[in-house]
Amino acid sequence: MIMREFTLMPIQNYLDEYEKFLNYFFKLYQASFNYQLLLNDIYIN
């Protein structure tokens, strides 16, 4: 029982860190996409 919790805990921490990384990456991607749209608007007009 104790051993099982010990092995599961790092996996949960890893998943949390991975989720934070994905959120950060997604925000970065969204920001760059919005920036690209802004540049397109500027160049078109």
PDB file of N, CA and C in Angstrom:
ATOM      1  N   MET A   1       0.829  -1.206   0.000  1.00  0.00           N
ATOM      2  CA  MET A   1       0.000   0.000   0.000  1.00  0.00           C
ATOM      3  C   MET A   1       0.867   1.260   0.000  1.00  0.00           C
ATOM      4  N   ILE A   2       1.784   1.321   0.956  1.00  0.00           N
ATOM      5  CA  ILE A   2       2.677   2.480   1.019  1.00  0.00           C
ATOM      6  C   ILE A   2       3.545   2.543  -0.234  1.00  0.00           C
ATOM      7  N   MET A   3       4.003   1.381  -0.673  1.00  0.00           N
ATOM      8  CA  MET A   3       4.862   1.325  -1.850  1.00  0.00           C
ATOM      9  C   MET A   3       4.113   1.819  -3.085  1.00  0.00           C
ATOM     10  N   ARG A   4       2.847   1.473  -3.182  1.00  0.00           N
ATOM     11  CA  ARG A   4       2.061   1.872  -4.342  1.00  0.00           C
ATOM     12  C   ARG A   4       1.876   3.388  -4.378  1.00  0.00           C
ATOM     13  N   GLU A   5       1.581   3.984  -3.244  1.00  0.00           N
ATOM     14  CA  GLU A   5       1.443   5.438  -3.187  1.00  0.00           C
ATOM     15  C   GLU A   5       2.763   6.114  -3.524  1.00  0.00           C
ATOM     16  N   PHE A   6       3.840   5.496  -3.086  1.00  0.00           N
ATOM     17  CA  PHE A   6       5.163   6.061  -3.341  1.00  0.00           C
ATOM     18  C   PHE A   6       5.470   6.066  -4.841  1.00  0.00           C
ATOM     19  N   THR A   7       5.042   5.024  -5.535  1.00  0.00           N
ATOM     20  CA  THR A   7       5.320   4.959  -6.970  1.00  0.00           C
ATOM     21  C   THR A   7       4.353   5.826  -7.772  1.00  0.00           C
ATOM     22  N   LEU A   8       3.131   6.006  -7.273  1.00  0.00           N
ATOM     23  CA  LEU A   8       2.162   6.810  -8.010  1.00  0.00           C
ATOM     24  C   LEU A   8       2.403   8.306  -7.864  1.00  0.00           C
ATOM     25  N   MET A   9       2.968   8.705  -6.751  1.00  0.00           N
ATOM     26  CA  MET A   9       3.114  10.135  -6.481  1.00  0.00           C
ATOM     27  C   MET A   9       3.970  10.869  -7.517  1.00  0.00           C
ATOM     28  N   PRO A  10       5.155  10.386  -7.851  1.00  0.00           N
ATOM     29  CA  PRO A  10       5.963  11.098  -8.851  1.00  0.00           C
ATOM     30  C   PRO A  10       5.269  11.192 -10.207  1.00  0.00           C
ATOM     31  N   ILE A  11       4.496  10.168 -10.551  1.00  0.00           N
ATOM     32  CA  ILE A  11       3.778  10.194 -11.826  1.00  0.00           C
ATOM     33  C   ILE A  11       2.774  11.341 -11.826  1.00  0.00           C
ATOM     34  N   GLN A  12       2.082  11.519 -10.697  1.00  0.00           N
ATOM     35  CA  GLN A  12       1.112  12.605 -10.589  1.00  0.00           C
ATOM     36  C   GLN A  12       1.803  13.961 -10.688  1.00  0.00           C
ATOM     37  N   ASN A  13       2.938  14.090 -10.024  1.00  0.00           N
ATOM     38  CA  ASN A  13       3.708  15.338 -10.104  1.00  0.00           C
ATOM     39  C   ASN A  13       4.144  15.596 -11.539  1.00  0.00           C
ATOM     40  N   TYR A  14       4.587  14.539 -12.205  1.00  0.00           N
ATOM     41  CA  TYR A  14       5.030  14.653 -13.597  1.00  0.00           C
ATOM     42  C   TYR A  14       3.878  15.106 -14.490  1.00  0.00           C
ATOM     43  N   LEU A  15       2.689  14.547 -14.257  1.00  0.00           N
ATOM     44  CA  LEU A  15       1.528  14.935 -15.053  1.00  0.00           C
ATOM     45  C   LEU A  15       1.147  16.389 -14.812  1.00  0.00           C
ATOM     46  N   ASP A  16       1.242  16.825 -13.552  1.00  0.00           N
ATOM     47  CA  ASP A  16       0.938  18.227 -13.243  1.00  0.00           C
ATOM     48  C   ASP A  16       1.905  19.159 -13.957  1.00  0.00           C
ATOM     49  N   GLU A  17       3.193  18.827 -13.901  1.00  0.00           N
ATOM     50  CA  GLU A  17       4.202  19.649 -14.572  1.00  0.00           C
ATOM     51  C   GLU A  17       3.973  19.653 -16.081  1.00  0.00           C
ATOM     52  N   TYR A  18       3.616  18.489 -16.623  1.00  0.00           N
ATOM     53  CA  TYR A  18       3.372  18.366 -18.058  1.00  0.00           C
ATOM     54  C   TYR A  18       2.181  19.224 -18.477  1.00  0.00           C
ATOM     55  N   GLU A  19       1.142  19.232 -17.607  1.00  0.00           N
ATOM     56  CA  GLU A  19      -0.046  20.030 -17.898  1.00  0.00           C
ATOM     57  C   GLU A  19       0.281  21.521 -17.866  1.00  0.00           C
ATOM     58  N   LYS A  20       1.111  21.938 -16.898  1.00  0.00           N
ATOM     59  CA  LYS A  20       1.539  23.336 -16.833  1.00  0.00           C
ATOM     60  C   LYS A  20       2.298  23.708 -18.100  1.00  0.00           C
ATOM     61  N   PHE A  21       3.184  22.807 -18.529  1.00  0.00           N
ATOM     62  CA  PHE A  21       3.968  23.056 -19.730  1.00  0.00           C
ATOM     63  C   PHE A  21       3.064  23.176 -20.954  1.00  0.00           C
ATOM     64  N   LEU A  22       2.063  22.288 -21.048  1.00  0.00           N
ATOM     65  CA  LEU A  22       1.146  22.345 -22.182  1.00  0.00           C
ATOM     66  C   LEU A  22       0.345  23.638 -22.186  1.00  0.00           C
ATOM     67  N   ASN A  23      -0.117  24.057 -21.006  1.00  0.00           N
ATOM     68  CA  ASN A  23      -0.860  25.316 -20.908  1.00  0.00           C
ATOM     69  C   ASN A  23       0.004  26.487 -21.342  1.00  0.00           C
ATOM     70  N   TYR A  24       1.255  26.491 -20.879  1.00  0.00           N
ATOM     71  CA  TYR A  24       2.184  27.561 -21.237  1.00  0.00           C
ATOM     72  C   TYR A  24       2.431  27.574 -22.744  1.00  0.00           C
ATOM     73  N   PHE A  25       2.662  26.383 -23.299  1.00  0.00           N
ATOM     74  CA  PHE A  25       2.936  26.263 -24.727  1.00  0.00           C
ATOM     75  C   PHE A  25       1.729  26.718 -25.548  1.00  0.00           C
ATOM     76  N   PHE A  26       0.526  26.358 -25.083  1.00  0.00           N
ATOM     77  CA  PHE A  26      -0.698  26.724 -25.788  1.00  0.00           C
ATOM     78  C   PHE A  26      -0.907  28.236 -25.759  1.00  0.00           C
ATOM     79  N   LYS A  27      -0.648  28.864 -24.604  1.00  0.00           N
ATOM     80  CA  LYS A  27      -0.777  30.319 -24.509  1.00  0.00           C
ATOM     81  C   LYS A  27       0.222  31.008 -25.423  1.00  0.00           C
ATOM     82  N   LEU A  28       1.431  30.469 -25.465  1.00  0.00           N
ATOM     83  CA  LEU A  28       2.472  31.026 -26.321  1.00  0.00           C
ATOM     84  C   LEU A  28       2.053  30.916 -27.789  1.00  0.00           C
ATOM     85  N   TYR A  29       1.527  29.751 -28.166  1.00  0.00           N
ATOM     86  CA  TYR A  29       1.074  29.514 -29.534  1.00  0.00           C
ATOM     87  C   TYR A  29      -0.075  30.453 -29.895  1.00  0.00           C
ATOM     88  N   GLN A  30      -1.012  30.620 -28.956  1.00  0.00           N
ATOM     89  CA  GLN A  30      -2.155  31.494 -29.184  1.00  0.00           C
ATOM     90  C   GLN A  30      -1.708  32.940 -29.355  1.00  0.00           C
ATOM     91  N   ALA A  31      -0.751  33.348 -28.515  1.00  0.00           N
ATOM     92  CA  ALA A  31      -0.241  34.718 -28.585  1.00  0.00           C
ATOM     93  C   ALA A  31       0.451  34.964 -29.924  1.00  0.00           C
ATOM     94  N   SER A  32       1.256  34.016 -30.370  1.00  0.00           N
ATOM     95  CA  SER A  32       1.963  34.182 -31.641  1.00  0.00           C
ATOM     96  C   SER A  32       0.966  34.191 -32.800  1.00  0.00           C
ATOM     97  N   PHE A  33      -0.106  33.403 -32.671  1.00  0.00           N
ATOM     98  CA  PHE A  33      -1.136  33.368 -33.708  1.00  0.00           C
ATOM     99  C   PHE A  33      -1.860  34.714 -33.783  1.00  0.00           C
ATOM    100  N   ASN A  34      -2.206  35.273 -32.613  1.00  0.00           N
ATOM    101  CA  ASN A  34      -2.848  36.591 -32.577  1.00  0.00           C
ATOM    102  C   ASN A  34      -1.924  37.656 -33.146  1.00  0.00           C
ATOM    103  N   TYR A  35      -0.635  37.548 -32.829  1.00  0.00           N
ATOM    104  CA  TYR A  35       0.363  38.497 -33.339  1.00  0.00           C
ATOM    105  C   TYR A  35       0.442  38.410 -34.863  1.00  0.00           C
ATOM    106  N   GLN A  36       0.372  37.185 -35.378  1.00  0.00           N
ATOM    107  CA  GLN A  36       0.402  36.972 -36.824  1.00  0.00           C
ATOM    108  C   GLN A  36      -0.817  37.620 -37.486  1.00  0.00           C
ATOM    109  N   LEU A  37      -1.985  37.456 -36.855  1.00  0.00           N
ATOM    110  CA  LEU A  37      -3.199  38.080 -37.381  1.00  0.00           C
ATOM    111  C   LEU A  37      -3.072  39.597 -37.369  1.00  0.00           C
ATOM    112  N   LEU A  38      -2.494  40.125 -36.299  1.00  0.00           N
ATOM    113  CA  LEU A  38      -2.286  41.570 -36.188  1.00  0.00           C
ATOM    114  C   LEU A  38      -1.383  42.065 -37.310  1.00  0.00           C
ATOM    115  N   LEU A  39      -0.289  41.346 -37.555  1.00  0.00           N
ATOM    116  CA  LEU A  39       0.629  41.720 -38.636  1.00  0.00           C
ATOM    117  C   LEU A  39      -0.070  41.648 -39.986  1.00  0.00           C
ATOM    118  N   ASN A  40      -0.896  40.624 -40.181  1.00  0.00           N
ATOM    119  CA  ASN A  40      -1.629  40.503 -41.443  1.00  0.00           C
ATOM    120  C   ASN A  40      -2.549  41.695 -41.644  1.00  0.00           C
ATOM    121  N   ASP A  41      -3.239  42.114 -40.584  1.00  0.00           N
ATOM    122  CA  ASP A  41      -4.120  43.279 -40.668  1.00  0.00           C
ATOM    123  C   ASP A  41      -3.334  44.523 -41.048  1.00  0.00           C
ATOM    124  N   ILE A  42      -2.180  44.688 -40.435  1.00  0.00           N
ATOM    125  CA  ILE A  42      -1.350  45.868 -40.704  1.00  0.00           C
ATOM    126  C   ILE A  42      -0.875  45.869 -42.160  1.00  0.00           C
ATOM    127  N   TYR A  43      -0.427  44.711 -42.644  1.00  0.00           N
ATOM    128  CA  TYR A  43       0.090  44.646 -44.013  1.00  0.00           C
ATOM    129  C   TYR A  43      -1.020  44.770 -45.054  1.00  0.00           C
ATOM    130  N   ILE A  44      -2.189  44.238 -44.750  1.00  0.00           N
ATOM    131  CA  ILE A  44      -3.307  44.328 -45.699  1.00  0.00           C
ATOM    132  C   ILE A  44      -3.791  45.772 -45.795  1.00  0.00           C
ATOM    133  N   ASN A  45      -3.947  46.431 -44.664  1.00  0.00           N
ATOM    134  CA  ASN A  45      -4.377  47.830 -44.652  1.00  0.00           C
ATOM    135  C   ASN A  45      -3.155  48.711 -44.778  1.00  0.00           C
TER     136      ASN A  45
END
